[in-house]
């Protein structure tokens, strides 16, 4: 699920510009609630049971009423909990790990899945992966940009994939934009990939207007393409 601000004069404003302002002003809470409700309502109306992934701001994640809000929105929209994936970064949980773990446990008790977003940047603590029951690791796109030119980045990707297999946590690589990158991930046994090579941003009604049209837009080089709601952000493909 992508959020863009369509400004009457500046056009589409990316979240990297307005989210920090929203967090600093406190507006991120009503914005985040609106996004989550809108995303769940949209997904609940799809004919096929595709999953949808929604990013949570650290400010939003730390709010004590978040699990109750998620439960309320799922009930209001009728979306099955298993179809919702919430993505959080490590910065959202490091300030108070004990409290964060309670929040994670309450959300997972609803049947919602959780993904560790932007792994490989910031702290990327192994203790976090050990202590928190994440359902997916999302490898930061910065590593994919150097595939083929930086052996250290490739070694880190292999290490994260190995870590995911050891912990039985699937890994999704973000930022896949070339055939070389996709081939590398396949050869290394990556579970999923996401990036512009697999799909460009489009409105949900265009992507999922009907299943036949959606299938027709799937790239020829993608096997077992998963129709995630995150696909508009750059496409998601199951590689195994």
C-alpha atoms as a PDB file:
ATOM      1  CA  UNK A   1       0.000   0.000   0.000  1.00  0.00           C
ATOM      2  CA  UNK A   2       1.505   3.289  -1.148  1.00  0.00           C
ATOM      3  CA  UNK A   3       0.650   6.651   0.340  1.00  0.00           C
ATOM      4  CA  UNK A   4       1.080   9.772  -1.791  1.00  0.00           C
ATOM      5  CA  UNK A   5      -0.030  13.326  -1.089  1.00  0.00           C
ATOM      6  CA  UNK A   6      -1.504  14.917  -4.205  1.00  0.00           C
ATOM      7  CA  UNK A   7      -0.781  18.588  -3.653  1.00  0.00           C
ATOM      8  CA  UNK A   8      -2.664  21.061  -5.918  1.00  0.00           C
ATOM      9  CA  UNK A   9       0.550  22.908  -6.781  1.00  0.00           C
ATOM     10  CA  UNK A  10       3.441  20.520  -6.023  1.00  0.00           C
ATOM     11  CA  UNK A  11       1.821  17.422  -7.491  1.00  0.00           C
ATOM     12  CA  UNK A  12       2.553  14.069  -5.827  1.00  0.00           C
ATOM     13  CA  UNK A  13       4.592  14.496  -2.655  1.00  0.00           C
ATOM     14  CA  UNK A  14       6.431  11.332  -1.521  1.00  0.00           C
ATOM     15  CA  UNK A  15       6.064  10.075   2.068  1.00  0.00           C
ATOM     16  CA  UNK A  16       9.769  10.706   2.724  1.00  0.00           C
ATOM     17  CA  UNK A  17       8.899  14.404   2.661  1.00  0.00           C
ATOM     18  CA  UNK A  18       5.607  14.643   4.530  1.00  0.00           C
ATOM     19  CA  UNK A  19       5.768  11.725   6.992  1.00  0.00           C
ATOM     20  CA  UNK A  20       8.537  13.313   9.155  1.00  0.00           C
ATOM     21  CA  UNK A  21       6.451  16.506   9.345  1.00  0.00           C
ATOM     22  CA  UNK A  22       3.357  14.491  10.259  1.00  0.00           C
ATOM     23  CA  UNK A  23       5.279  12.651  12.979  1.00  0.00           C
ATOM     24  CA  UNK A  24       6.683  15.847  14.452  1.00  0.00           C
ATOM     25  CA  UNK A  25       3.267  17.535  14.477  1.00  0.00           C
ATOM     26  CA  UNK A  26       1.308  14.560  15.812  1.00  0.00           C
ATOM     27  CA  UNK A  27      -0.769  14.284  12.649  1.00  0.00           C
ATOM     28  CA  UNK A  28       0.706  10.873  11.909  1.00  0.00           C
ATOM     29  CA  UNK A  29      -1.822   9.198  14.217  1.00  0.00           C
ATOM     30  CA  UNK A  30      -4.993  10.290  12.366  1.00  0.00           C
ATOM     31  CA  UNK A  31      -3.205   9.891   9.016  1.00  0.00           C
ATOM     32  CA  UNK A  32      -2.012   6.398   9.944  1.00  0.00           C
ATOM     33  CA  UNK A  33      -5.465   5.375  11.115  1.00  0.00           C
ATOM     34  CA  UNK A  34      -7.014   6.661   7.877  1.00  0.00           C
ATOM     35  CA  UNK A  35      -4.433   4.797   5.786  1.00  0.00           C
ATOM     36  CA  UNK A  36      -4.931   1.522   7.651  1.00  0.00           C
ATOM     37  CA  UNK A  37      -8.711   1.741   7.457  1.00  0.00           C
ATOM     38  CA  UNK A  38      -8.661   2.701   3.777  1.00  0.00           C
ATOM     39  CA  UNK A  39      -6.235  -0.097   2.908  1.00  0.00           C
ATOM     40  CA  UNK A  40      -8.278  -2.745   4.705  1.00  0.00           C
ATOM     41  CA  UNK A  41     -11.516  -1.517   3.160  1.00  0.00           C
ATOM     42  CA  UNK A  42      -9.948  -1.572  -0.313  1.00  0.00           C
ATOM     43  CA  UNK A  43      -8.554  -5.088   0.121  1.00  0.00           C
ATOM     44  CA  UNK A  44     -11.821  -6.403   1.558  1.00  0.00           C
ATOM     45  CA  UNK A  45     -13.534  -5.423  -1.680  1.00  0.00           C
ATOM     46  CA  UNK A  46     -11.215  -7.388  -3.947  1.00  0.00           C
ATOM     47  CA  UNK A  47     -12.704 -10.481  -5.540  1.00  0.00           C
ATOM     48  CA  UNK A  48      -9.574 -12.553  -4.932  1.00  0.00           C
ATOM     49  CA  UNK A  49      -8.126 -12.845  -1.396  1.00  0.00           C
ATOM     50  CA  UNK A  50      -4.878 -10.987  -2.081  1.00  0.00           C
ATOM     51  CA  UNK A  51      -2.903  -9.853   0.913  1.00  0.00           C
ATOM     52  CA  UNK A  52      -2.151  -6.216   1.678  1.00  0.00           C
ATOM     53  CA  UNK A  53       0.862  -4.764   3.475  1.00  0.00           C
ATOM     54  CA  UNK A  54       0.793  -1.465   5.369  1.00  0.00           C
ATOM     55  CA  UNK A  55       3.743   0.389   6.885  1.00  0.00           C
ATOM     56  CA  UNK A  56       3.441   1.617  10.464  1.00  0.00           C
ATOM     57  CA  UNK A  57       5.212   4.738  11.646  1.00  0.00           C
ATOM     58  CA  UNK A  58       7.283   4.283  14.842  1.00  0.00           C
ATOM     59  CA  UNK A  59       5.032   6.893  16.465  1.00  0.00           C
ATOM     60  CA  UNK A  60       1.967   4.928  15.419  1.00  0.00           C
ATOM     61  CA  UNK A  61       3.426   1.613  16.593  1.00  0.00           C
ATOM     62  CA  UNK A  62       4.238   2.980  20.047  1.00  0.00           C
ATOM     63  CA  UNK A  63       0.677   4.170  20.651  1.00  0.00           C
ATOM     64  CA  UNK A  64      -0.890   1.958  23.352  1.00  0.00           C
ATOM     65  CA  UNK A  65      -4.203   1.639  21.518  1.00  0.00           C
ATOM     66  CA  UNK A  66      -2.720   0.258  18.269  1.00  0.00           C
ATOM     67  CA  UNK A  67      -3.742  -3.414  18.753  1.00  0.00           C
ATOM     68  CA  UNK A  68      -7.274  -2.339  19.639  1.00  0.00           C
ATOM     69  CA  UNK A  69      -7.384  -0.055  16.596  1.00  0.00           C
ATOM     70  CA  UNK A  70      -6.242  -2.865  14.275  1.00  0.00           C
ATOM     71  CA  UNK A  71      -8.900  -5.189  15.703  1.00  0.00           C
ATOM     72  CA  UNK A  72     -11.569  -2.507  15.310  1.00  0.00           C
ATOM     73  CA  UNK A  73     -10.659  -1.750  11.702  1.00  0.00           C
ATOM     74  CA  UNK A  74     -10.608  -5.428  10.754  1.00  0.00           C
ATOM     75  CA  UNK A  75     -14.076  -5.833  12.257  1.00  0.00           C
ATOM     76  CA  UNK A  76     -15.382  -2.696  10.515  1.00  0.00           C
ATOM     77  CA  UNK A  77     -14.046  -3.585   7.077  1.00  0.00           C
ATOM     78  CA  UNK A  78     -14.544  -7.336   7.234  1.00  0.00           C
ATOM     79  CA  UNK A  79     -10.984  -8.045   6.095  1.00  0.00           C
ATOM     80  CA  UNK A  80      -9.657 -11.423   7.225  1.00  0.00           C
ATOM     81  CA  UNK A  81      -6.736 -10.814   9.639  1.00  0.00           C
ATOM     82  CA  UNK A  82      -4.483 -13.233   7.730  1.00  0.00           C
ATOM     83  CA  UNK A  83      -4.701 -10.936   4.692  1.00  0.00           C
ATOM     84  CA  UNK A  84      -3.145  -7.986   6.544  1.00  0.00           C
ATOM     85  CA  UNK A  85       0.608  -7.590   6.951  1.00  0.00           C
ATOM     86  CA  UNK A  86       1.987  -4.747   9.044  1.00  0.00           C
ATOM     87  CA  UNK A  87       5.532  -3.569   8.405  1.00  0.00           C
ATOM     88  CA  UNK A  88       7.652  -1.951  11.098  1.00  0.00           C
ATOM     89  CA  UNK A  89      11.268  -0.862  11.279  1.00  0.00           C
ATOM     90  CA  UNK A  90      13.593  -1.696  14.143  1.00  0.00           C
ATOM     91  CA  UNK A  91      13.580   1.922  15.265  1.00  0.00           C
ATOM     92  CA  UNK A  92       9.946   1.439  16.292  1.00  0.00           C
ATOM     93  CA  UNK A  93      10.816  -1.151  18.933  1.00  0.00           C
ATOM     94  CA  UNK A  94      14.287  -0.428  20.335  1.00  0.00           C
ATOM     95  CA  UNK A  95      13.292   2.319  22.779  1.00  0.00           C
ATOM     96  CA  UNK A  96      11.167  -0.046  24.892  1.00  0.00           C
ATOM     97  CA  UNK A  97      11.605  -3.638  23.760  1.00  0.00           C
ATOM     98  CA  UNK A  98       9.421  -5.143  26.487  1.00  0.00           C
ATOM     99  CA  UNK A  99       6.485  -2.905  25.670  1.00  0.00           C
ATOM    100  CA  UNK A 100       7.009  -3.412  21.936  1.00  0.00           C
ATOM    101  CA  UNK A 101       6.958  -7.181  22.378  1.00  0.00           C
ATOM    102  CA  UNK A 102       3.621  -6.972  24.184  1.00  0.00           C
ATOM    103  CA  UNK A 103       2.242  -4.916  21.300  1.00  0.00           C
ATOM    104  CA  UNK A 104       3.568  -7.402  18.750  1.00  0.00           C
ATOM    105  CA  UNK A 105       2.074 -10.335  20.645  1.00  0.00           C
ATOM    106  CA  UNK A 106      -1.334  -8.645  20.833  1.00  0.00           C
ATOM    107  CA  UNK A 107      -1.329  -7.888  17.108  1.00  0.00           C
ATOM    108  CA  UNK A 108      -0.242 -11.390  16.144  1.00  0.00           C
ATOM    109  CA  UNK A 109      -2.940 -12.822  18.412  1.00  0.00           C
ATOM    110  CA  UNK A 110      -5.439 -11.219  16.029  1.00  0.00           C
ATOM    111  CA  UNK A 111      -4.026 -13.319  13.175  1.00  0.00           C
ATOM    112  CA  UNK A 112      -2.207 -10.400  11.512  1.00  0.00           C
ATOM    113  CA  UNK A 113       1.351 -10.971  10.225  1.00  0.00           C
ATOM    114  CA  UNK A 114       4.326  -8.700  10.926  1.00  0.00           C
ATOM    115  CA  UNK A 115       7.347  -7.900   8.765  1.00  0.00           C
ATOM    116  CA  UNK A 116      10.673  -6.350   9.749  1.00  0.00           C
ATOM    117  CA  UNK A 117      11.131  -3.573   7.199  1.00  0.00           C
ATOM    118  CA  UNK A 118      14.406  -2.078   5.884  1.00  0.00           C
ATOM    119  CA  UNK A 119      16.547  -4.793   7.469  1.00  0.00           C
ATOM    120  CA  UNK A 120      20.241  -4.172   7.023  1.00  0.00           C
ATOM    121  CA  UNK A 121      20.071  -0.474   7.874  1.00  0.00           C
ATOM    122  CA  UNK A 122      20.057   1.098  11.313  1.00  0.00           C
ATOM    123  CA  UNK A 123      20.640  -1.369  14.145  1.00  0.00           C
ATOM    124  CA  UNK A 124      19.713  -4.643  12.392  1.00  0.00           C
ATOM    125  CA  UNK A 125      20.127  -6.436  15.694  1.00  0.00           C
ATOM    126  CA  UNK A 126      20.123 -10.217  15.688  1.00  0.00           C
ATOM    127  CA  UNK A 127      18.646 -10.036  19.185  1.00  0.00           C
ATOM    128  CA  UNK A 128      15.588  -8.328  17.705  1.00  0.00           C
ATOM    129  CA  UNK A 129      15.043 -11.176  15.255  1.00  0.00           C
ATOM    130  CA  UNK A 130      15.542 -13.702  18.047  1.00  0.00           C
ATOM    131  CA  UNK A 131      13.164 -12.013  20.484  1.00  0.00           C
ATOM    132  CA  UNK A 132      10.375 -10.843  18.198  1.00  0.00           C
ATOM    133  CA  UNK A 133       8.154 -13.253  16.243  1.00  0.00           C
ATOM    134  CA  UNK A 134       8.426 -11.642  12.828  1.00  0.00           C
ATOM    135  CA  UNK A 135       6.820 -13.417   9.883  1.00  0.00           C
ATOM    136  CA  UNK A 136       9.074 -11.844   7.250  1.00  0.00           C
ATOM    137  CA  UNK A 137      12.367  -9.995   6.842  1.00  0.00           C
ATOM    138  CA  UNK A 138      12.456  -7.243   4.214  1.00  0.00           C
ATOM    139  CA  UNK A 139      16.010  -6.629   3.059  1.00  0.00           C
ATOM    140  CA  UNK A 140      16.701  -2.953   2.434  1.00  0.00           C
ATOM    141  CA  UNK A 141      16.930  -1.880  -1.209  1.00  0.00           C
ATOM    142  CA  UNK A 142      20.371  -0.295  -0.755  1.00  0.00           C
ATOM    143  CA  UNK A 143      22.014  -3.727  -0.974  1.00  0.00           C
ATOM    144  CA  UNK A 144      20.333  -4.654  -4.256  1.00  0.00           C
ATOM    145  CA  UNK A 145      21.628  -1.479  -5.886  1.00  0.00           C
ATOM    146  CA  UNK A 146      25.187  -2.814  -5.564  1.00  0.00           C
ATOM    147  CA  UNK A 147      24.653  -6.363  -6.815  1.00  0.00           C
ATOM    148  CA  UNK A 148      27.245  -7.010  -9.506  1.00  0.00           C
ATOM    149  CA  UNK A 149      29.500  -4.183  -8.385  1.00  0.00           C
ATOM    150  CA  UNK A 150      30.088  -4.699  -4.670  1.00  0.00           C
ATOM    151  CA  UNK A 151      31.044  -8.125  -3.345  1.00  0.00           C
ATOM    152  CA  UNK A 152      30.488  -6.973   0.240  1.00  0.00           C
ATOM    153  CA  UNK A 153      26.846  -6.129  -0.452  1.00  0.00           C
ATOM    154  CA  UNK A 154      26.398  -9.503  -2.131  1.00  0.00           C
ATOM    155  CA  UNK A 155      27.961 -11.209   0.896  1.00  0.00           C
ATOM    156  CA  UNK A 156      25.554  -9.377   3.217  1.00  0.00           C
ATOM    157  CA  UNK A 157      22.590 -10.469   1.092  1.00  0.00           C
ATOM    158  CA  UNK A 158      23.766 -14.088   1.285  1.00  0.00           C
ATOM    159  CA  UNK A 159      24.219 -13.769   5.049  1.00  0.00           C
ATOM    160  CA  UNK A 160      20.702 -12.376   5.555  1.00  0.00           C
ATOM    161  CA  UNK A 161      19.195 -15.109   3.370  1.00  0.00           C
ATOM    162  CA  UNK A 162      21.078 -17.736   5.366  1.00  0.00           C
ATOM    163  CA  UNK A 163      19.916 -16.145   8.602  1.00  0.00           C
ATOM    164  CA  UNK A 164      16.319 -16.192   7.409  1.00  0.00           C
ATOM    165  CA  UNK A 165      16.546 -19.879   6.512  1.00  0.00           C
ATOM    166  CA  UNK A 166      18.091 -20.708   9.900  1.00  0.00           C
ATOM    167  CA  UNK A 167      15.293 -18.866  11.714  1.00  0.00           C
ATOM    168  CA  UNK A 168      12.582 -20.148   9.332  1.00  0.00           C
ATOM    169  CA  UNK A 169      11.679 -16.558   8.420  1.00  0.00           C
ATOM    170  CA  UNK A 170      11.150 -15.819   4.711  1.00  0.00           C
ATOM    171  CA  UNK A 171      13.193 -12.961   3.252  1.00  0.00           C
ATOM    172  CA  UNK A 172      11.912 -10.435   0.727  1.00  0.00           C
ATOM    173  CA  UNK A 173      14.492  -8.370  -1.180  1.00  0.00           C
ATOM    174  CA  UNK A 174      13.421  -4.810  -1.966  1.00  0.00           C
ATOM    175  CA  UNK A 175      14.563  -2.634  -4.844  1.00  0.00           C
ATOM    176  CA  UNK A 176      14.905  -5.216  -7.620  1.00  0.00           C
ATOM    177  CA  UNK A 177      15.288  -3.242 -10.843  1.00  0.00           C
ATOM    178  CA  UNK A 178      17.425  -5.404 -13.166  1.00  0.00           C
ATOM    179  CA  UNK A 179      17.446  -8.939 -14.514  1.00  0.00           C
ATOM    180  CA  UNK A 180      20.921  -9.381 -13.011  1.00  0.00           C
ATOM    181  CA  UNK A 181      19.605  -8.621  -9.531  1.00  0.00           C
ATOM    182  CA  UNK A 182      16.652 -10.975  -9.935  1.00  0.00           C
ATOM    183  CA  UNK A 183      18.902 -13.754 -11.252  1.00  0.00           C
ATOM    184  CA  UNK A 184      21.253 -13.292  -8.303  1.00  0.00           C
ATOM    185  CA  UNK A 185      18.392 -13.609  -5.817  1.00  0.00           C
ATOM    186  CA  UNK A 186      17.074 -16.739  -7.515  1.00  0.00           C
ATOM    187  CA  UNK A 187      20.509 -18.354  -7.476  1.00  0.00           C
ATOM    188  CA  UNK A 188      20.887 -17.563  -3.771  1.00  0.00           C
ATOM    189  CA  UNK A 189      17.484 -18.993  -2.860  1.00  0.00           C
ATOM    190  CA  UNK A 190      15.701 -15.772  -1.907  1.00  0.00           C
ATOM    191  CA  UNK A 191      12.027 -16.277  -1.067  1.00  0.00           C
ATOM    192  CA  UNK A 192      10.482 -13.121  -2.555  1.00  0.00           C
ATOM    193  CA  UNK A 193      11.497 -10.016  -4.484  1.00  0.00           C
ATOM    194  CA  UNK A 194       9.970  -6.582  -4.901  1.00  0.00           C
ATOM    195  CA  UNK A 195      10.923  -3.790  -7.273  1.00  0.00           C
ATOM    196  CA  UNK A 196      10.268  -1.850 -10.446  1.00  0.00           C
ATOM    197  CA  UNK A 197      11.459  -4.769 -12.585  1.00  0.00           C
ATOM    198  CA  UNK A 198       8.348  -6.624 -11.462  1.00  0.00           C
ATOM    199  CA  UNK A 199       5.844  -3.796 -11.568  1.00  0.00           C
ATOM    200  CA  UNK A 200       5.385  -0.025 -11.536  1.00  0.00           C
ATOM    201  CA  UNK A 201       3.139   1.993  -9.197  1.00  0.00           C
ATOM    202  CA  UNK A 202      -0.474   2.071 -10.359  1.00  0.00           C
ATOM    203  CA  UNK A 203      -3.791   2.753  -8.605  1.00  0.00           C
ATOM    204  CA  UNK A 204      -5.344  -0.307  -6.965  1.00  0.00           C
ATOM    205  CA  UNK A 205      -8.399  -0.174  -9.215  1.00  0.00           C
ATOM    206  CA  UNK A 206      -6.168  -0.521 -12.261  1.00  0.00           C
ATOM    207  CA  UNK A 207      -4.143  -3.397 -10.874  1.00  0.00           C
ATOM    208  CA  UNK A 208      -6.976  -5.415  -9.372  1.00  0.00           C
ATOM    209  CA  UNK A 209      -9.885  -4.245 -11.484  1.00  0.00           C
ATOM    210  CA  UNK A 210     -10.363  -7.849 -12.521  1.00  0.00           C
ATOM    211  CA  UNK A 211      -8.211 -10.929 -12.076  1.00  0.00           C
ATOM    212  CA  UNK A 212      -7.823 -11.538 -15.810  1.00  0.00           C
ATOM    213  CA  UNK A 213      -6.474  -8.051 -16.417  1.00  0.00           C
ATOM    214  CA  UNK A 214      -4.157  -8.334 -13.431  1.00  0.00           C
ATOM    215  CA  UNK A 215      -2.813 -11.628 -14.719  1.00  0.00           C
ATOM    216  CA  UNK A 216      -2.218 -10.122 -18.143  1.00  0.00           C
ATOM    217  CA  UNK A 217       0.016  -7.480 -16.585  1.00  0.00           C
ATOM    218  CA  UNK A 218       2.299  -9.976 -14.878  1.00  0.00           C
ATOM    219  CA  UNK A 219       5.847  -9.911 -16.302  1.00  0.00           C
ATOM    220  CA  UNK A 220       6.813 -12.904 -18.427  1.00  0.00           C
ATOM    221  CA  UNK A 221       9.978 -13.526 -16.385  1.00  0.00           C
ATOM    222  CA  UNK A 222       8.196 -13.822 -13.048  1.00  0.00           C
ATOM    223  CA  UNK A 223       7.287 -17.243 -11.756  1.00  0.00           C
ATOM    224  CA  UNK A 224       4.415 -17.762  -9.304  1.00  0.00           C
ATOM    225  CA  UNK A 225       3.836 -14.012  -9.066  1.00  0.00           C
ATOM    226  CA  UNK A 226       2.035 -13.180  -5.849  1.00  0.00           C
ATOM    227  CA  UNK A 227      -0.710 -10.597  -6.194  1.00  0.00           C
ATOM    228  CA  UNK A 228       0.171  -8.652  -3.074  1.00  0.00           C
ATOM    229  CA  UNK A 229      -1.355  -5.253  -2.532  1.00  0.00           C
ATOM    230  CA  UNK A 230       2.231  -4.070  -2.179  1.00  0.00           C
ATOM    231  CA  UNK A 231       2.783  -4.909  -5.827  1.00  0.00           C
ATOM    232  CA  UNK A 232       1.982  -1.300  -6.857  1.00  0.00           C
ATOM    233  CA  UNK A 233       5.064  -0.204  -4.925  1.00  0.00           C
ATOM    234  CA  UNK A 234       7.271  -2.165  -7.230  1.00  0.00           C
ATOM    235  CA  UNK A 235       5.919  -5.659  -7.605  1.00  0.00           C
ATOM    236  CA  UNK A 236       6.263  -8.695  -5.395  1.00  0.00           C
ATOM    237  CA  UNK A 237       7.345 -12.034  -6.797  1.00  0.00           C
ATOM    238  CA  UNK A 238       7.723 -15.361  -5.091  1.00  0.00           C
ATOM    239  CA  UNK A 239      11.048 -16.783  -6.214  1.00  0.00           C
ATOM    240  CA  UNK A 240      10.638 -20.209  -4.688  1.00  0.00           C
END
